[in-house]
Protein backbone atom coordinates (compact mmCIF):
# COMPACT_ATOMS: atom_id res chain seq x y z
CA MET A 1 30.48 -18.05 71.27
CA THR A 2 30.25 -18.42 75.03
CA PRO A 3 29.75 -15.38 77.26
CA ARG A 4 33.27 -15.94 78.60
CA LYS A 5 34.92 -15.88 75.19
CA ARG A 6 32.94 -12.79 74.21
CA VAL A 7 33.72 -10.69 77.27
CA LEU A 8 37.39 -11.67 77.29
CA GLY A 9 37.61 -10.88 73.60
CA VAL A 10 35.96 -7.50 74.12
CA LEU A 11 38.33 -6.67 76.99
CA ARG A 12 41.23 -7.53 74.67
CA ARG A 13 39.72 -5.01 72.25
CA GLU A 14 37.93 -7.23 69.78
CA GLU A 15 34.66 -5.83 68.43
CA LEU A 16 32.10 -8.48 69.39
CA TYR A 17 28.34 -8.34 69.93
CA PRO A 18 26.26 -8.18 71.96
CA VAL A 19 28.33 -5.83 74.09
CA PRO A 20 28.77 -7.34 77.58
CA PHE A 21 27.12 -5.61 80.51
CA GLU A 22 26.55 -5.80 84.25
CA PHE A 23 25.15 -3.72 87.09
CA GLY A 24 25.21 -3.56 90.88
CA THR A 25 22.43 -2.53 93.22
CA THR A 26 21.70 -1.07 96.61
CA PRO A 27 19.37 -3.19 98.77
CA ALA A 28 16.38 -0.94 98.11
CA PHE A 29 16.80 -1.05 94.34
CA ALA A 30 17.37 -4.82 94.49
CA ASP A 31 14.03 -5.17 96.27
CA ALA A 32 12.24 -3.13 93.61
CA LEU A 33 13.87 -5.00 90.74
CA ALA A 34 13.20 -8.42 92.29
CA GLU A 35 9.53 -7.54 92.73
CA ARG A 36 9.36 -6.56 89.06
CA ILE A 37 11.14 -9.55 87.50
CA GLY A 38 10.30 -12.23 90.06
CA THR A 39 13.82 -13.22 91.12
CA ARG A 40 16.82 -11.90 93.03
CA ASP A 41 19.24 -13.92 90.89
CA PHE A 42 20.08 -11.00 88.65
CA ALA A 43 23.24 -12.54 87.19
CA ASN A 44 21.36 -15.50 85.74
CA HIS A 45 18.21 -13.58 84.83
CA PHE A 46 20.17 -11.04 82.79
CA ASP A 47 22.85 -13.58 81.82
CA PHE A 48 25.86 -11.57 82.94
CA GLU A 49 29.03 -12.69 81.22
CA CYS A 50 31.00 -12.83 84.50
CA ARG A 51 30.64 -14.61 87.84
CA GLY A 52 32.65 -13.99 90.98
CA VAL A 53 34.87 -15.95 93.35
CA GLY A 54 36.62 -14.91 96.53
CA PHE A 55 38.56 -16.01 99.58
CA ALA A 56 36.58 -17.75 102.31
CA ALA A 57 36.09 -16.00 105.61
CA PRO A 58 38.68 -16.84 108.27
CA VAL A 59 37.82 -19.77 110.52
CA THR A 60 38.80 -17.63 113.50
CA PRO A 61 37.95 -13.95 112.96
CA THR A 62 40.66 -11.41 113.71
CA ASP A 63 40.20 -10.09 117.24
CA TYR A 64 39.82 -6.31 117.41
CA THR A 65 38.21 -6.30 120.87
CA ARG A 66 40.97 -4.21 122.40
CA TYR A 67 40.43 -1.42 119.88
CA VAL A 68 36.65 -1.49 120.20
CA GLU A 69 36.65 -1.44 124.00
CA GLU A 70 38.67 1.77 123.97
CA ARG A 71 35.71 3.54 122.35
CA ASP A 72 32.11 4.20 123.28
CA LEU A 73 30.43 2.35 120.42
CA PRO A 74 26.95 0.87 119.94
CA ASP A 75 26.36 -2.88 119.93
CA ALA A 76 25.34 -2.70 116.27
CA ILE A 77 28.89 -2.04 115.11
CA ASN A 78 30.09 -4.25 112.25
CA ILE A 79 33.81 -4.99 112.10
CA GLY A 80 35.38 -6.14 108.85
CA GLU A 81 38.37 -8.39 108.44
CA TRP A 82 40.84 -5.51 108.45
CA GLY A 83 39.29 -3.76 111.42
CA ASP A 84 37.29 -1.53 109.10
CA ALA A 85 34.31 -0.81 111.32
CA THR A 86 30.91 0.64 110.44
CA ILE A 87 27.82 1.73 112.33
CA PRO A 88 24.39 1.62 110.63
CA GLY A 89 23.24 5.02 109.44
CA ASP A 90 19.80 6.55 109.47
CA TYR A 91 19.08 6.48 105.73
CA TYR A 92 18.82 3.40 103.53
CA HIS A 93 22.12 1.48 103.25
CA PHE A 94 24.46 4.25 104.36
CA THR A 95 26.80 3.67 107.29
CA ARG A 96 29.20 5.65 109.45
CA LYS A 97 32.83 4.56 109.59
CA VAL A 98 34.86 4.00 112.75
CA HIS A 99 38.64 3.96 112.29
CA LEU A 100 39.93 1.59 114.97
CA ALA A 101 43.61 2.46 114.47
CA SER A 102 43.21 6.23 114.26
CA ASP A 103 44.53 6.86 117.79
CA ILE A 104 47.74 4.84 117.47
CA LYS A 105 50.71 7.16 118.02
CA THR A 106 53.85 5.08 117.46
CA LEU A 107 55.18 2.40 115.18
CA ALA A 108 55.63 0.10 118.18
CA GLU A 109 51.90 0.37 118.92
CA PHE A 110 51.04 -0.33 115.29
CA GLU A 111 53.20 -3.44 115.32
CA GLU A 112 50.68 -4.90 117.79
CA TYR A 113 47.71 -4.28 115.45
CA PRO A 114 46.17 -7.63 114.39
CA PHE A 115 46.22 -7.71 110.60
CA PRO A 116 44.21 -10.51 108.97
CA ASP A 117 45.73 -13.87 108.10
CA VAL A 118 45.05 -14.63 104.44
CA TRP A 119 47.48 -17.56 104.07
CA PRO A 120 45.62 -20.58 105.57
CA LYS A 121 44.64 -23.05 102.85
CA GLU A 122 41.06 -23.27 104.07
CA ARG A 123 40.61 -19.72 102.85
CA HIS A 124 41.61 -20.35 99.24
CA ALA A 125 41.90 -24.10 98.54
CA HIS A 126 38.43 -24.05 96.96
CA LEU A 127 39.36 -21.54 94.26
CA GLU A 128 40.50 -23.94 91.53
CA GLU A 129 37.30 -25.97 91.76
CA SER A 130 35.08 -22.87 91.84
CA VAL A 131 36.84 -21.32 88.85
CA ALA A 132 36.64 -24.51 86.80
CA ALA A 133 32.93 -24.91 87.55
CA ILE A 134 32.09 -21.37 86.41
CA GLN A 135 34.24 -21.54 83.30
CA GLY A 136 32.74 -24.93 82.53
CA ARG A 137 29.34 -23.24 82.30
CA GLY A 138 30.76 -20.76 79.78
CA TYR A 139 31.22 -17.72 82.02
CA ALA A 140 34.26 -15.62 82.84
CA VAL A 141 35.52 -15.60 86.42
CA VAL A 142 36.13 -12.33 88.24
CA ALA A 143 37.81 -11.84 91.61
CA GLY A 144 36.99 -8.68 93.53
CA MET A 145 39.97 -6.92 95.10
CA GLU A 146 38.67 -3.37 95.09
CA CYS A 147 39.78 -1.34 98.08
CA THR A 148 43.21 -2.72 97.30
CA ILE A 149 45.58 -0.55 99.35
CA PHE A 150 44.67 3.12 99.89
CA GLU A 151 41.07 2.55 100.92
CA VAL A 152 41.91 -0.27 103.32
CA ALA A 153 44.58 1.96 104.87
CA TRP A 154 42.30 4.91 105.49
CA TYR A 155 39.40 2.73 106.62
CA VAL A 156 41.74 1.49 109.36
CA ARG A 157 43.65 4.69 110.10
CA SER A 158 41.20 7.43 108.92
CA MET A 159 41.88 9.45 105.81
CA GLU A 160 42.94 12.53 107.76
CA GLN A 161 45.42 10.64 109.93
CA LEU A 162 46.79 8.62 107.01
CA PHE A 163 47.60 11.80 105.09
CA PHE A 164 49.24 13.25 108.20
CA ASP A 165 51.26 10.04 108.52
CA HIS A 166 52.66 10.50 105.03
CA ILE A 167 54.14 13.80 106.18
CA ASP A 168 55.06 13.51 109.85
CA ARG A 169 55.01 9.76 110.63
CA PRO A 170 56.16 8.14 107.39
CA GLU A 171 57.33 5.03 109.23
CA ILE A 172 53.72 4.35 110.29
CA ALA A 173 52.37 4.96 106.79
CA ALA A 174 54.98 2.66 105.25
CA PHE A 175 54.35 -0.07 107.83
CA LEU A 176 50.58 -0.01 107.30
CA LEU A 177 50.77 0.08 103.51
CA ASP A 178 53.36 -2.70 103.40
CA LYS A 179 51.26 -4.97 105.63
CA ILE A 180 48.30 -4.48 103.32
CA THR A 181 50.39 -4.92 100.16
CA GLU A 182 51.91 -8.17 101.39
CA ARG A 183 48.49 -9.70 101.93
CA LYS A 184 46.97 -8.36 98.75
CA ALA A 185 49.89 -9.62 96.66
CA PHE A 186 49.38 -13.13 98.03
CA MET A 187 45.66 -12.97 97.29
CA ALA A 188 46.22 -11.72 93.75
CA GLY A 189 48.72 -14.49 93.11
CA ARG A 190 46.35 -17.16 94.35
CA PHE A 191 43.48 -15.87 92.24
CA ALA A 192 45.73 -15.97 89.19
CA GLU A 193 47.06 -19.46 90.00
CA ALA A 194 43.49 -20.70 90.28
CA GLY A 195 42.70 -19.54 86.75
CA VAL A 196 40.62 -16.42 87.43
CA ASP A 197 40.10 -14.45 84.20
CA LEU A 198 39.96 -10.92 85.62
CA ILE A 199 40.88 -9.29 88.94
CA ARG A 200 39.15 -6.07 89.92
CA PHE A 201 41.65 -3.86 91.71
CA GLY A 202 40.95 -0.33 92.80
CA ASP A 203 40.90 2.47 95.31
CA ASP A 204 38.92 5.69 95.10
CA ILE A 205 41.77 8.16 94.56
CA ALA A 206 39.79 11.05 93.08
CA THR A 207 36.77 13.23 93.62
CA GLN A 208 34.73 14.49 90.70
CA ARG A 209 36.89 17.63 90.74
CA GLY A 210 40.23 15.86 90.62
CA PRO A 211 42.73 13.74 92.57
CA MET A 212 42.47 13.25 96.33
CA MET A 213 46.26 13.46 96.51
CA SER A 214 48.93 14.80 94.20
CA VAL A 215 50.13 12.51 91.45
CA PRO A 216 53.72 12.69 92.83
CA MET A 217 52.46 11.56 96.26
CA TRP A 218 50.56 8.67 94.69
CA ARG A 219 53.61 7.71 92.66
CA GLU A 220 55.78 7.66 95.77
CA TRP A 221 53.45 5.81 98.14
CA TYR A 222 50.90 3.82 96.15
CA LYS A 223 52.06 3.14 92.61
CA PRO A 224 54.97 0.82 93.53
CA ARG A 225 52.84 -1.12 96.00
CA LEU A 226 49.97 -1.50 93.55
CA ALA A 227 52.50 -2.57 90.92
CA GLN A 228 53.72 -5.27 93.30
CA VAL A 229 50.19 -6.62 93.73
CA ILE A 230 49.49 -6.58 89.99
CA GLN A 231 52.83 -8.24 89.24
CA ALA A 232 52.04 -11.06 91.67
CA ALA A 233 49.00 -11.86 89.53
CA LYS A 234 50.83 -11.49 86.21
CA ASP A 235 53.72 -13.66 87.41
CA ALA A 236 51.31 -16.45 88.31
CA ASN A 237 49.31 -16.14 85.08
CA PRO A 238 50.61 -13.75 82.40
CA SER A 239 47.31 -13.88 80.50
CA ILE A 240 45.16 -12.67 83.40
CA LEU A 241 43.32 -9.39 82.89
CA THR A 242 43.34 -6.62 85.49
CA MET A 243 40.84 -3.85 86.11
CA TYR A 244 41.27 -0.66 88.12
CA HIS A 245 38.33 1.08 89.75
CA SER A 246 38.26 4.63 91.03
CA ASP A 247 35.27 6.87 91.21
CA GLY A 248 35.80 10.46 90.18
CA LEU A 249 38.14 12.24 87.81
CA TYR A 250 41.17 9.99 87.92
CA GLU A 251 42.50 10.53 84.41
CA PRO A 252 45.78 12.03 85.77
CA PHE A 253 46.67 8.51 86.98
CA MET A 254 45.64 6.53 83.90
CA ASP A 255 48.98 6.48 82.07
CA ASP A 256 50.68 5.23 85.24
CA LEU A 257 48.01 2.59 85.83
CA ILE A 258 48.38 1.24 82.31
CA GLU A 259 52.17 1.30 82.71
CA ILE A 260 52.04 -1.02 85.74
CA GLY A 261 49.74 -3.52 84.09
CA ILE A 262 46.13 -2.37 84.26
CA ASP A 263 44.11 -3.58 81.26
CA VAL A 264 40.62 -2.22 82.03
CA LEU A 265 39.57 1.19 83.42
CA ASN A 266 36.39 1.49 85.51
CA PRO A 267 33.86 3.10 85.96
CA ILE A 268 34.49 6.24 83.84
CA GLN A 269 31.98 8.67 85.35
CA PRO A 270 30.52 10.77 82.51
CA GLU A 271 29.66 13.53 85.00
CA CYS A 272 33.37 14.39 85.21
CA MET A 273 35.10 12.67 82.27
CA ASP A 274 34.17 12.28 78.61
CA PRO A 275 34.17 8.56 77.77
CA ALA A 276 34.64 9.20 74.05
CA GLU A 277 37.69 11.40 74.68
CA LEU A 278 39.21 8.76 76.95
CA LYS A 279 38.63 6.15 74.24
CA ASP A 280 40.55 8.32 71.78
CA LYS A 281 43.40 8.82 74.25
CA TYR A 282 43.72 5.40 75.89
CA GLY A 283 41.65 3.02 73.78
CA ASP A 284 44.64 1.44 72.06
CA ARG A 285 46.04 0.42 75.47
CA ALA A 286 43.04 -0.21 77.72
CA ALA A 287 39.41 -1.28 77.72
CA PHE A 288 36.58 0.51 79.53
CA TRP A 289 33.95 -0.86 81.91
CA GLY A 290 31.03 1.37 82.94
CA THR A 291 30.37 4.82 81.35
CA VAL A 292 26.61 5.13 82.09
CA GLY A 293 26.02 7.82 84.71
CA THR A 294 24.33 6.93 88.00
CA GLN A 295 23.96 10.60 88.98
CA THR A 296 22.35 11.64 85.71
CA THR A 297 21.07 9.17 83.13
CA MET A 298 20.06 6.24 85.31
CA PRO A 299 18.06 8.10 88.00
CA PHE A 300 16.84 11.12 86.07
CA GLY A 301 16.81 10.22 82.39
CA SER A 302 13.85 8.80 80.50
CA VAL A 303 13.82 5.29 79.09
CA GLU A 304 14.72 6.75 75.71
CA ASP A 305 17.55 8.77 77.29
CA VAL A 306 19.00 5.53 78.65
CA ARG A 307 18.72 3.82 75.29
CA GLU A 308 20.36 6.74 73.50
CA VAL A 309 23.28 6.81 75.94
CA VAL A 310 23.83 3.08 75.42
CA ARG A 311 23.78 3.54 71.64
CA GLU A 312 26.19 6.47 71.86
CA ARG A 313 28.61 4.57 74.10
CA ILE A 314 28.62 1.54 71.80
CA ARG A 315 29.17 3.81 68.78
CA THR A 316 32.06 5.75 70.35
CA VAL A 317 33.69 3.85 73.22
CA GLY A 318 32.76 0.45 71.81
CA ARG A 319 34.23 0.93 68.35
CA GLY A 320 36.97 -1.62 67.84
CA GLY A 321 35.93 -3.41 71.03
CA GLY A 322 37.01 -2.57 74.56
CA LEU A 323 33.68 -1.71 76.22
CA VAL A 324 31.58 -3.38 78.88
CA ILE A 325 28.43 -1.35 79.50
CA ALA A 326 27.57 -0.77 83.15
CA PRO A 327 26.21 1.94 85.40
CA THR A 328 29.12 3.73 87.04
CA HIS A 329 28.04 2.80 90.57
CA VAL A 330 25.46 0.68 92.35
CA LEU A 331 21.91 1.67 91.42
CA GLU A 332 20.34 3.81 94.13
CA PRO A 333 16.70 3.67 95.31
CA GLU A 334 15.56 6.55 93.09
CA VAL A 335 16.50 4.78 89.84
CA PRO A 336 13.37 3.69 87.94
CA VAL A 337 13.35 -0.05 87.30
CA GLU A 338 12.29 0.72 83.72
CA ASN A 339 15.60 2.48 83.14
CA LEU A 340 17.60 -0.57 84.17
CA LEU A 341 15.46 -2.81 81.96
CA ALA A 342 16.02 -0.40 79.07
CA LEU A 343 19.79 -0.47 79.65
CA ALA A 344 19.79 -4.26 79.57
CA ASP A 345 17.58 -4.52 76.50
CA GLU A 346 19.43 -1.90 74.47
CA THR A 347 22.84 -3.33 75.33
CA ARG A 348 21.81 -6.85 74.42
CA ASN A 349 20.13 -5.92 71.15
CA HIS A 350 21.84 -2.86 69.70
CA ARG A 351 24.26 -3.19 66.81
CA PRO A 352 25.98 -0.08 65.40
């Protein structure tokens, strides 16, 4: 069985072994791991079941000069496609955000904001060929669309101002969210048309104590727009799988997410949710991707702790299929390389 068939079967809740797995890294951990194993090609070295594709960068970058010049900012500022700007921080990979649209006061001003152009063919014409090449090698194809709506909106507007907009400037909030949704729906549809197997959607909508906004607010502002994006993918390819990522305790949203077409829930932080309980509650309707804590087990557990957590997750969350093992976030510099190697070895070799 190819890696692609196995991971897609598992995500459709077939019990297949070995359980698929993946991980992401910070630059510092990537350096340490590469030194240990002799390569930076982690996907091939560990034989991940999935490989990624994405839209090409625009030929002409969106011009945010006007919004940068209004601020006293260092030359080192990095501006993303949406105007999501960051300044390098003082510690490892961390950055400080700059919200270029936070000072806009009226809808008329926002109508002048230069949203990215995702429609030109040179940005997505390559997708069919890229997808076919990866699937031809036996791997599943994943498209990353995390930061789908909410996070893009607050990166541009600032979280504080966006929440104020919902209350006292709803026309601005609706305009911003609709502009994002329109573009994301097109992207999701193109990924699906090209034959992508899984799209990763997501926005961090919770802290580890609970939701960042009330469930009724999310249902009013974000659920219908996310549903539109998901539906664009499902209309283009009804068999495509969809994942939703949110850090934190986002269980209050899970029923709604499944209702609008989410097939896979990620990352399931064990520091604030019990993966086995979620399996009991949602496992007949969704698969799970993650479950291994990056605030507990991965940095501070022993090698045997890591192995035991993997065994426990496969025994509980993995019963009947529906589990991809992964750390719940990128691996930070303090994670021992031995713990990652133990996670990989135990996942590849354990059978319940």
